[in-house]
Amino acid sequence: MEYHIPVLLKESVDLLAVKQGGIYVDATFGGGGHSREILKRLDGEGALFGFDQDQEAMKNIRESSLFHFLPYNFREMQRMLRFEGVPSVDGVLADLGVSSHQLDEANRGFSYRFDAPLDMRMNRETGPTAADILNKYDAVELHRVLGNYGEVRNAKTLAEALVEARHNKPFALISDLLKICEEKRIGEKTRYLSQVFQALRIEVNDEMGALKALLEQALEVLKPGGRLVVISYHSLEDRLAKHFLKTGRFDGALEQDFYGNIRRPFQLITKKSVEPSKEEIQSNGRARSAKLRAGQKI
């Protein structure tokens, strides 16, 4: 089975506008699909830096004198590029979220389809697991996570039930969580569980904090005329990318200078999000929720 089928591959790399001899960043290397396409278009000149904090992604590295793999979370992008002697780049591409490989590996704990330890860490060498969060957060904190990151309709009720349940048995396995979810679930099962697992995964990996860091750093490292391309998979990610590309702020508020001129860090390349074709969704169901946005640094 392929590690990860790249979503919106042609559309995203087209929007990156790769030029021969340019310097680019694949902030989410994963299975290397986007990186391979970028390397083809570099045509023997330039450089590509691939970031991925998941140690298993290293198995997908292809030998190329132009490719440099950096085993770090993309929130370290600017620091590591400076370490590599690269002050600025021509483009940054980020395909956010969890990879197909991570979802399909039972022992990673990302999917409710398997019973396994409640881990969900993209970097398994550091940080709290999903079990740690379920066992240590109080009801208010769990309510925040489930409501904000999963948009779980009965987040408060579920949070209180989770706190009560752990007094009898601490959470360790996915089946422990599923038992409580099934008791408190409202609505369709698959959607409900997907929302709960998404919320925990985002909290475990501080995905919103990492995305904000990536967007801010991309604006810093891109050359004038350089492009930022972001593929997101849920409304929280898409909203951040949309607002930042439009205004340079996460809240989407426009800033004006002393003379009333609106400050825009990017020229929008995509006026609205680009979404996968019906054919792509049929061949890769995980592309269903993808939204692609791109901007060019002014």
Protein backbone atom coordinates (compact mmCIF):
# COMPACT_ATOMS: atom_id res chain seq x y z
CA MET A 1 0.00 0.00 0.00
CA GLU A 2 1.27 3.47 -0.91
CA TYR A 3 2.40 5.50 2.10
CA HIS A 4 0.23 8.46 1.12
CA ILE A 5 -1.52 9.46 -2.08
CA PRO A 6 -0.78 13.17 -2.62
CA VAL A 7 -3.94 15.27 -2.79
CA LEU A 8 -4.40 17.96 -5.45
CA LEU A 9 -0.91 17.13 -6.70
CA LYS A 10 -0.93 18.86 -10.07
CA GLU A 11 -3.03 21.79 -8.89
CA SER A 12 -0.81 22.53 -5.88
CA VAL A 13 2.52 22.25 -7.69
CA ASP A 14 1.17 24.28 -10.61
CA LEU A 15 0.23 27.04 -8.16
CA LEU A 16 3.71 26.86 -6.61
CA ALA A 17 4.98 27.96 -10.06
CA VAL A 18 8.25 26.04 -9.74
CA LYS A 19 11.05 27.61 -11.74
CA GLN A 20 14.27 25.90 -12.71
CA GLY A 21 17.01 26.72 -10.20
CA GLY A 22 14.58 27.91 -7.52
CA ILE A 23 14.64 27.03 -3.82
CA TYR A 24 11.51 25.43 -2.37
CA VAL A 25 10.16 23.94 0.85
CA ASP A 26 7.85 20.94 1.14
CA ALA A 27 6.76 21.55 4.72
CA THR A 28 4.96 18.19 4.98
CA PHE A 29 7.13 15.63 3.18
CA GLY A 30 5.14 12.52 4.21
CA GLY A 31 5.14 10.04 1.34
CA GLY A 32 7.16 12.40 -0.83
CA GLY A 33 4.57 12.74 -3.59
CA HIS A 34 4.60 16.52 -3.78
CA SER A 35 8.39 16.58 -3.41
CA ARG A 36 8.89 14.23 -6.36
CA GLU A 37 6.77 16.47 -8.58
CA ILE A 38 8.65 19.60 -7.46
CA LEU A 39 12.00 17.90 -8.15
CA LYS A 40 10.86 16.99 -11.66
CA ARG A 41 10.07 20.61 -12.38
CA LEU A 42 13.36 21.87 -10.92
CA ASP A 43 14.93 19.87 -13.76
CA GLY A 44 18.35 19.37 -12.21
CA GLU A 45 18.91 22.82 -10.71
CA GLY A 46 17.98 24.50 -7.43
CA ALA A 47 17.08 22.95 -4.07
CA LEU A 48 14.15 21.42 -2.22
CA PHE A 49 13.97 21.14 1.58
CA GLY A 50 11.52 18.57 2.94
CA PHE A 51 10.31 18.72 6.56
CA ASP A 52 8.63 15.92 8.49
CA GLN A 53 8.67 15.16 12.21
CA ASP A 54 7.44 11.59 11.69
CA GLN A 55 10.47 9.28 11.70
CA GLU A 56 8.66 6.83 9.40
CA ALA A 57 8.59 9.43 6.62
CA MET A 58 12.37 9.05 6.28
CA LYS A 59 11.73 5.72 4.52
CA ASN A 60 10.34 7.65 1.56
CA ILE A 61 13.41 9.79 0.86
CA ARG A 62 14.56 9.56 -2.75
CA GLU A 63 18.20 10.15 -3.58
CA SER A 64 18.65 13.51 -5.29
CA SER A 65 21.44 16.05 -5.03
CA LEU A 66 18.76 18.74 -4.93
CA PHE A 67 16.77 17.27 -2.03
CA HIS A 68 17.51 17.88 1.65
CA PHE A 69 15.42 16.13 4.31
CA LEU A 70 15.03 17.88 7.67
CA PRO A 71 13.47 15.67 10.40
CA TYR A 72 11.62 18.46 12.21
CA ASN A 73 8.14 19.85 12.65
CA PHE A 74 7.53 22.60 10.10
CA ARG A 75 7.28 25.11 12.93
CA GLU A 76 11.12 24.88 12.90
CA MET A 77 11.29 25.88 9.23
CA GLN A 78 12.91 29.29 9.48
CA ARG A 79 15.43 28.22 12.12
CA MET A 80 16.51 25.13 10.20
CA LEU A 81 16.73 26.93 6.87
CA ARG A 82 19.03 29.48 8.48
CA PHE A 83 21.12 26.61 9.86
CA GLU A 84 21.36 25.28 6.29
CA GLY A 85 22.48 28.72 5.10
CA VAL A 86 19.22 29.48 3.28
CA PRO A 87 17.84 32.94 4.20
CA SER A 88 15.01 32.97 1.65
CA VAL A 89 13.09 30.68 -0.70
CA ASP A 90 10.92 30.87 -3.82
CA GLY A 91 8.02 28.81 -2.54
CA VAL A 92 6.54 26.90 0.41
CA LEU A 93 3.99 24.10 0.05
CA ALA A 94 2.13 22.53 2.99
CA ASP A 95 -0.27 19.56 2.78
CA LEU A 96 -1.71 19.62 6.30
CA GLY A 97 -3.33 16.98 8.47
CA VAL A 98 -2.64 13.30 9.00
CA SER A 99 -1.24 11.02 6.29
CA SER A 100 -2.91 7.90 4.93
CA HIS A 101 -0.05 5.87 6.37
CA GLN A 102 -0.58 7.26 9.86
CA LEU A 103 -4.31 6.52 9.68
CA ASP A 104 -3.73 2.99 8.42
CA GLU A 105 -1.05 2.06 10.96
CA ALA A 106 -3.10 0.63 13.85
CA ASN A 107 -0.44 1.18 16.51
CA ARG A 108 -0.29 4.94 15.85
CA GLY A 109 -3.72 5.40 17.46
CA PHE A 110 -5.03 7.90 14.88
CA SER A 111 -8.02 5.86 13.74
CA TYR A 112 -11.06 4.51 15.57
CA ARG A 113 -11.03 1.56 13.13
CA PHE A 114 -8.43 -0.27 15.23
CA ASP A 115 -7.89 -1.00 18.90
CA ALA A 116 -4.49 0.27 19.91
CA PRO A 117 -2.85 2.54 22.48
CA LEU A 118 -4.27 6.08 22.52
CA ASP A 119 -1.15 7.74 21.13
CA MET A 120 -1.84 10.07 18.15
CA ARG A 121 1.59 11.73 18.27
CA MET A 122 3.07 12.53 14.88
CA ASN A 123 6.46 12.57 16.56
CA ARG A 124 6.45 9.57 18.87
CA GLU A 125 9.62 10.66 20.64
CA THR A 126 8.12 13.60 22.48
CA GLY A 127 5.02 15.17 23.96
CA PRO A 128 1.82 13.95 25.64
CA THR A 129 -0.30 11.20 24.10
CA ALA A 130 -4.06 11.22 23.62
CA ALA A 131 -4.30 9.00 26.71
CA ASP A 132 -2.38 11.61 28.74
CA ILE A 133 -4.86 14.29 27.69
CA LEU A 134 -7.90 12.15 28.45
CA ASN A 135 -6.51 11.22 31.86
CA LYS A 136 -5.15 14.62 32.96
CA TYR A 137 -7.32 17.38 31.48
CA ASP A 138 -10.26 18.52 33.57
CA ALA A 139 -13.78 18.70 32.15
CA VAL A 140 -13.42 22.37 31.18
CA GLU A 141 -10.23 21.71 29.20
CA LEU A 142 -11.68 18.64 27.50
CA HIS A 143 -14.80 20.63 26.63
CA ARG A 144 -12.58 23.26 24.98
CA VAL A 145 -10.67 20.67 22.96
CA LEU A 146 -13.74 18.75 21.79
CA GLY A 147 -15.75 21.88 21.05
CA ASN A 148 -13.09 24.01 19.38
CA TYR A 149 -11.11 21.40 17.48
CA GLY A 150 -13.78 18.82 16.73
CA GLU A 151 -16.96 20.89 16.80
CA VAL A 152 -18.51 18.01 18.76
CA ARG A 153 -22.13 18.98 19.33
CA ASN A 154 -22.35 17.63 22.88
CA ALA A 155 -18.76 18.45 23.82
CA LYS A 156 -19.60 19.43 27.40
CA THR A 157 -21.59 16.24 28.07
CA LEU A 158 -18.89 14.04 26.57
CA ALA A 159 -16.12 15.84 28.47
CA GLU A 160 -17.89 15.29 31.80
CA ALA A 161 -18.48 11.61 30.95
CA LEU A 162 -14.79 11.12 30.11
CA VAL A 163 -13.68 12.60 33.43
CA GLU A 164 -16.14 10.42 35.32
CA ALA A 165 -15.12 7.26 33.46
CA ARG A 166 -11.40 7.60 34.15
CA HIS A 167 -11.98 7.41 37.90
CA ASN A 168 -12.89 3.76 37.42
CA LYS A 169 -10.37 2.96 34.71
CA PRO A 170 -7.73 5.30 33.23
CA PHE A 171 -7.81 5.61 29.44
CA ALA A 172 -5.19 3.49 27.69
CA LEU A 173 -6.72 1.97 24.55
CA ILE A 174 -8.92 3.23 21.74
CA SER A 175 -11.62 0.80 22.89
CA ASP A 176 -11.73 2.62 26.25
CA LEU A 177 -12.57 5.86 24.47
CA LEU A 178 -15.03 4.25 22.04
CA LYS A 179 -17.05 2.82 24.92
CA ILE A 180 -17.77 6.29 26.33
CA CYS A 181 -18.31 7.82 22.89
CA GLU A 182 -20.89 5.18 22.06
CA GLU A 183 -22.75 5.87 25.29
CA LYS A 184 -22.87 9.63 24.69
CA ARG A 185 -22.89 9.79 20.90
CA ILE A 186 -25.46 11.94 19.13
CA GLY A 187 -25.88 11.83 15.37
CA GLU A 188 -24.19 9.59 12.84
CA LYS A 189 -21.48 7.34 14.29
CA THR A 190 -18.69 7.84 11.76
CA ARG A 191 -18.99 11.63 11.78
CA TYR A 192 -19.13 11.79 15.57
CA LEU A 193 -16.05 9.60 16.08
CA SER A 194 -14.16 11.46 13.35
CA GLN A 195 -14.80 14.73 15.16
CA VAL A 196 -13.67 13.37 18.54
CA PHE A 197 -10.49 11.83 17.11
CA GLN A 198 -9.71 14.97 15.10
CA ALA A 199 -10.04 17.12 18.21
CA LEU A 200 -7.68 14.95 20.24
CA ARG A 201 -5.14 14.68 17.42
CA ILE A 202 -5.04 18.46 16.96
CA GLU A 203 -4.49 18.96 20.70
CA VAL A 204 -1.84 16.24 20.99
CA ASN A 205 0.22 17.72 18.16
CA ASP A 206 -0.61 21.42 18.75
CA GLU A 207 -1.55 21.57 15.09
CA MET A 208 -3.09 25.04 15.25
CA GLY A 209 -0.01 26.48 16.96
CA ALA A 210 2.26 24.79 14.43
CA LEU A 211 0.21 26.09 11.49
CA LYS A 212 0.30 29.65 12.80
CA ALA A 213 4.08 29.40 13.17
CA LEU A 214 4.40 28.03 9.64
CA LEU A 215 2.32 30.80 8.09
CA GLU A 216 4.22 33.57 9.90
CA GLN A 217 7.59 32.04 9.03
CA ALA A 218 6.60 31.50 5.40
CA LEU A 219 5.93 35.23 5.07
CA GLU A 220 9.40 35.88 6.52
CA VAL A 221 11.37 33.42 4.37
CA LEU A 222 9.61 33.90 1.03
CA LYS A 223 11.29 36.18 -1.47
CA PRO A 224 9.12 38.91 -3.02
CA GLY A 225 7.17 37.08 -5.69
CA GLY A 226 7.55 33.78 -3.83
CA ARG A 227 4.47 31.62 -3.36
CA LEU A 228 2.77 29.99 -0.40
CA VAL A 229 0.48 27.02 -1.16
CA VAL A 230 -1.61 25.40 1.58
CA ILE A 231 -3.85 22.31 1.41
CA SER A 232 -6.15 22.01 4.43
CA TYR A 233 -8.68 19.40 5.52
CA HIS A 234 -10.97 21.08 8.03
CA SER A 235 -12.49 24.49 8.58
CA LEU A 236 -10.08 25.52 11.35
CA GLU A 237 -7.02 25.08 9.12
CA ASP A 238 -8.71 26.57 6.08
CA ARG A 239 -9.88 29.64 8.00
CA LEU A 240 -6.37 30.37 9.27
CA ALA A 241 -4.85 29.98 5.81
CA LYS A 242 -7.60 32.08 4.19
CA HIS A 243 -7.30 34.93 6.69
CA PHE A 244 -3.49 34.97 6.68
CA LEU A 245 -3.18 34.97 2.90
CA LYS A 246 -5.72 37.79 2.67
CA THR A 247 -4.56 40.02 5.53
CA GLY A 248 -1.40 38.65 7.16
CA ARG A 249 -3.43 38.18 10.35
CA PHE A 250 -5.14 35.13 11.79
CA ASP A 251 -8.34 36.97 12.64
CA GLY A 252 -8.73 38.26 9.09
CA ALA A 253 -8.86 41.93 10.16
CA LEU A 254 -7.48 44.32 7.56
CA GLU A 255 -4.72 46.70 8.66
CA GLN A 256 -4.21 50.18 7.23
CA ASP A 257 -1.20 52.45 7.22
CA PHE A 258 -1.23 56.14 8.22
CA TYR A 259 -2.64 57.12 4.83
CA GLY A 260 -5.44 54.56 4.88
CA ASN A 261 -3.80 52.15 2.46
CA ILE A 262 -4.65 48.52 3.23
CA ARG A 263 -1.62 46.37 4.00
CA ARG A 264 -1.69 43.08 2.12
CA PRO A 265 1.28 40.72 2.44
CA PHE A 266 0.12 38.49 -0.42
CA GLN A 267 -1.53 38.81 -3.78
CA LEU A 268 -4.18 36.09 -3.78
CA ILE A 269 -3.62 33.54 -6.53
CA THR A 270 -6.77 31.64 -5.57
CA LYS A 271 -9.74 33.97 -5.10
CA LYS A 272 -11.63 31.02 -3.57
CA SER A 273 -10.44 27.61 -2.50
CA VAL A 274 -9.58 24.97 -5.11
CA GLU A 275 -11.19 21.61 -4.37
CA PRO A 276 -10.55 18.10 -5.73
CA SER A 277 -12.42 16.88 -8.78
CA LYS A 278 -15.09 14.21 -8.48
CA GLU A 279 -12.67 11.81 -10.15
CA GLU A 280 -9.96 12.43 -7.55
CA ILE A 281 -12.41 11.99 -4.69
CA GLN A 282 -13.61 8.71 -6.21
CA SER A 283 -10.05 7.40 -6.45
CA ASN A 284 -8.93 8.81 -3.08
CA GLY A 285 -11.73 9.30 -0.54
CA ARG A 286 -9.42 11.18 1.83
CA ALA A 287 -9.28 14.04 -0.66
CA ARG A 288 -12.97 14.75 -0.01
CA SER A 289 -12.52 17.60 2.46
CA ALA A 290 -9.36 19.13 0.93
CA LYS A 291 -9.19 22.85 0.14
CA LEU A 292 -6.27 24.49 -1.59
CA ARG A 293 -5.30 28.15 -1.28
CA ALA A 294 -2.31 30.04 -2.64
CA GLY A 295 -0.80 33.50 -2.51
CA GLN A 296 2.21 35.35 -3.89
CA LYS A 297 4.26 37.53 -1.57
CA ILE A 298 4.09 41.18 -2.48
